[in-house]
Amino acid sequence: MAKKETETEQKTVVINGEEHNVADLSPEQIGLLNQVVDLDGKIGQMSFSLAQYQAAKGFFMAQLNASLEQADPEVEAASGGE
């Protein structure tokens, strides 16, 4: 037997600070809402990936800088004050 939906179980969404019952939205509005929800998820994933990429770049940049610091004395010795 299907459970009858009560008023407290209705799905609602807050848009621009105003609460709306999803059941009251038109099919077009529901489609637009689904697009926004999907894009929010993708933006969150991209932000997470961006943080990982920035951290990885920082790691490799630190490795490059350490390598260059080790190489500097060799370059100065090889030039012999030319």
C-alpha atoms as a PDB file:
ATOM      1  CA  MET A   1       0.000   0.000   0.000  1.00  0.00           C
ATOM      2  CA  ALA A   2       1.408   3.377  -0.995  1.00  0.00           C
ATOM      3  CA  LYS A   3       2.024   5.804   1.808  1.00  0.00           C
ATOM      4  CA  LYS A   4       0.104   9.042   1.403  1.00  0.00           C
ATOM      5  CA  GLU A   5       2.422  12.076   1.293  1.00  0.00           C
ATOM      6  CA  THR A   6       1.799  14.470   4.153  1.00  0.00           C
ATOM      7  CA  GLU A   7       2.472  18.181   4.061  1.00  0.00           C
ATOM      8  CA  THR A   8       5.662  17.799   6.126  1.00  0.00           C
ATOM      9  CA  GLU A   9       7.009  15.192   3.669  1.00  0.00           C
ATOM     10  CA  GLN A  10       6.631  17.382   0.591  1.00  0.00           C
ATOM     11  CA  LYS A  11       9.902  18.207  -1.102  1.00  0.00           C
ATOM     12  CA  THR A  12      10.763  21.863  -0.969  1.00  0.00           C
ATOM     13  CA  VAL A  13      13.544  23.943  -2.428  1.00  0.00           C
ATOM     14  CA  VAL A  14      14.800  27.378  -1.415  1.00  0.00           C
ATOM     15  CA  ILE A  15      15.400  29.702  -4.365  1.00  0.00           C
ATOM     16  CA  ASN A  16      16.660  33.209  -3.667  1.00  0.00           C
ATOM     17  CA  GLY A  17      15.639  32.883  -0.021  1.00  0.00           C
ATOM     18  CA  GLU A  18      12.092  31.793  -0.841  1.00  0.00           C
ATOM     19  CA  GLU A  19      10.841  28.258  -0.155  1.00  0.00           C
ATOM     20  CA  HIS A  20       8.926  26.528  -2.952  1.00  0.00           C
ATOM     21  CA  ASN A  21       7.123  23.177  -3.058  1.00  0.00           C
ATOM     22  CA  VAL A  22       8.638  21.161  -5.887  1.00  0.00           C
ATOM     23  CA  ALA A  23       5.177  19.782  -6.681  1.00  0.00           C
ATOM     24  CA  ASP A  24       4.035  23.336  -7.448  1.00  0.00           C
ATOM     25  CA  LEU A  25       6.760  23.938 -10.048  1.00  0.00           C
ATOM     26  CA  SER A  26       6.105  23.576 -13.760  1.00  0.00           C
ATOM     27  CA  PRO A  27       7.932  20.878 -15.729  1.00  0.00           C
ATOM     28  CA  GLU A  28      10.106  23.613 -17.256  1.00  0.00           C
ATOM     29  CA  GLN A  29      10.983  24.968 -13.797  1.00  0.00           C
ATOM     30  CA  ILE A  30      11.822  21.465 -12.557  1.00  0.00           C
ATOM     31  CA  GLY A  31      14.077  20.970 -15.575  1.00  0.00           C
ATOM     32  CA  LEU A  32      15.854  24.255 -14.870  1.00  0.00           C
ATOM     33  CA  LEU A  33      16.183  23.338 -11.186  1.00  0.00           C
ATOM     34  CA  ASN A  34      17.705  19.985 -12.145  1.00  0.00           C
ATOM     35  CA  GLN A  35      20.222  21.788 -14.362  1.00  0.00           C
ATOM     36  CA  VAL A  36      21.213  24.101 -11.497  1.00  0.00           C
ATOM     37  CA  VAL A  37      21.559  21.195  -9.042  1.00  0.00           C
ATOM     38  CA  ASP A  38      23.679  19.239 -11.541  1.00  0.00           C
ATOM     39  CA  LEU A  39      25.900  22.257 -12.217  1.00  0.00           C
ATOM     40  CA  ASP A  40      26.340  22.862  -8.465  1.00  0.00           C
ATOM     41  CA  GLY A  41      27.617  19.303  -8.164  1.00  0.00           C
ATOM     42  CA  LYS A  42      29.999  19.731 -11.088  1.00  0.00           C
ATOM     43  CA  ILE A  43      31.298  23.035  -9.702  1.00  0.00           C
ATOM     44  CA  GLY A  44      31.938  21.325  -6.375  1.00  0.00           C
ATOM     45  CA  GLN A  45      33.849  18.523  -8.110  1.00  0.00           C
ATOM     46  CA  MET A  46      35.880  21.016 -10.132  1.00  0.00           C
ATOM     47  CA  SER A  47      36.708  23.034  -7.013  1.00  0.00           C
ATOM     48  CA  PHE A  48      37.881  19.851  -5.303  1.00  0.00           C
ATOM     49  CA  SER A  49      40.008  18.921  -8.326  1.00  0.00           C
ATOM     50  CA  LEU A  50      41.409  22.444  -8.570  1.00  0.00           C
ATOM     51  CA  ALA A  51      42.565  22.276  -4.944  1.00  0.00           C
ATOM     52  CA  GLN A  52      44.307  18.976  -5.704  1.00  0.00           C
ATOM     53  CA  TYR A  53      45.963  20.398  -8.826  1.00  0.00           C
ATOM     54  CA  GLN A  54      47.160  23.476  -6.953  1.00  0.00           C
ATOM     55  CA  ALA A  55      48.618  21.338  -4.172  1.00  0.00           C
ATOM     56  CA  ALA A  56      50.353  19.074  -6.693  1.00  0.00           C
ATOM     57  CA  LYS A  57      51.719  22.099  -8.557  1.00  0.00           C
ATOM     58  CA  GLY A  58      53.057  23.493  -5.275  1.00  0.00           C
ATOM     59  CA  PHE A  59      54.775  20.183  -4.549  1.00  0.00           C
ATOM     60  CA  PHE A  60      56.431  20.022  -7.972  1.00  0.00           C
ATOM     61  CA  MET A  61      57.398  23.693  -7.818  1.00  0.00           C
ATOM     62  CA  ALA A  62      59.079  23.078  -4.455  1.00  0.00           C
ATOM     63  CA  GLN A  63      60.930  20.109  -5.959  1.00  0.00           C
ATOM     64  CA  LEU A  64      62.052  22.265  -8.901  1.00  0.00           C
ATOM     65  CA  ASN A  65      63.220  25.060  -6.588  1.00  0.00           C
ATOM     66  CA  ALA A  66      65.158  22.573  -4.434  1.00  0.00           C
ATOM     67  CA  SER A  67      66.757  21.138  -7.547  1.00  0.00           C
ATOM     68  CA  LEU A  68      67.728  24.596  -8.797  1.00  0.00           C
ATOM     69  CA  GLU A  69      69.219  25.519  -5.406  1.00  0.00           C
ATOM     70  CA  GLN A  70      71.391  22.400  -5.532  1.00  0.00           C
ATOM     71  CA  ALA A  71      72.434  23.216  -9.103  1.00  0.00           C
ATOM     72  CA  ASP A  72      73.383  26.877  -8.388  1.00  0.00           C
ATOM     73  CA  PRO A  73      76.757  26.185  -6.709  1.00  0.00           C
ATOM     74  CA  GLU A  74      77.756  23.974  -9.642  1.00  0.00           C
ATOM     75  CA  VAL A  75      76.912  26.713 -12.135  1.00  0.00           C
ATOM     76  CA  GLU A  76      78.963  29.283 -10.187  1.00  0.00           C
ATOM     77  CA  ALA A  77      81.947  26.882  -9.870  1.00  0.00           C
ATOM     78  CA  ALA A  78      81.783  25.985 -13.555  1.00  0.00           C
ATOM     79  CA  SER A  79      81.796  29.614 -14.621  1.00  0.00           C
ATOM     80  CA  GLY A  80      84.978  30.210 -12.597  1.00  0.00           C
ATOM     81  CA  GLY A  81      84.240  33.898 -12.246  1.00  0.00           C
ATOM     82  CA  GLU A  82      84.189  34.489 -16.000  1.00  0.00           C
END
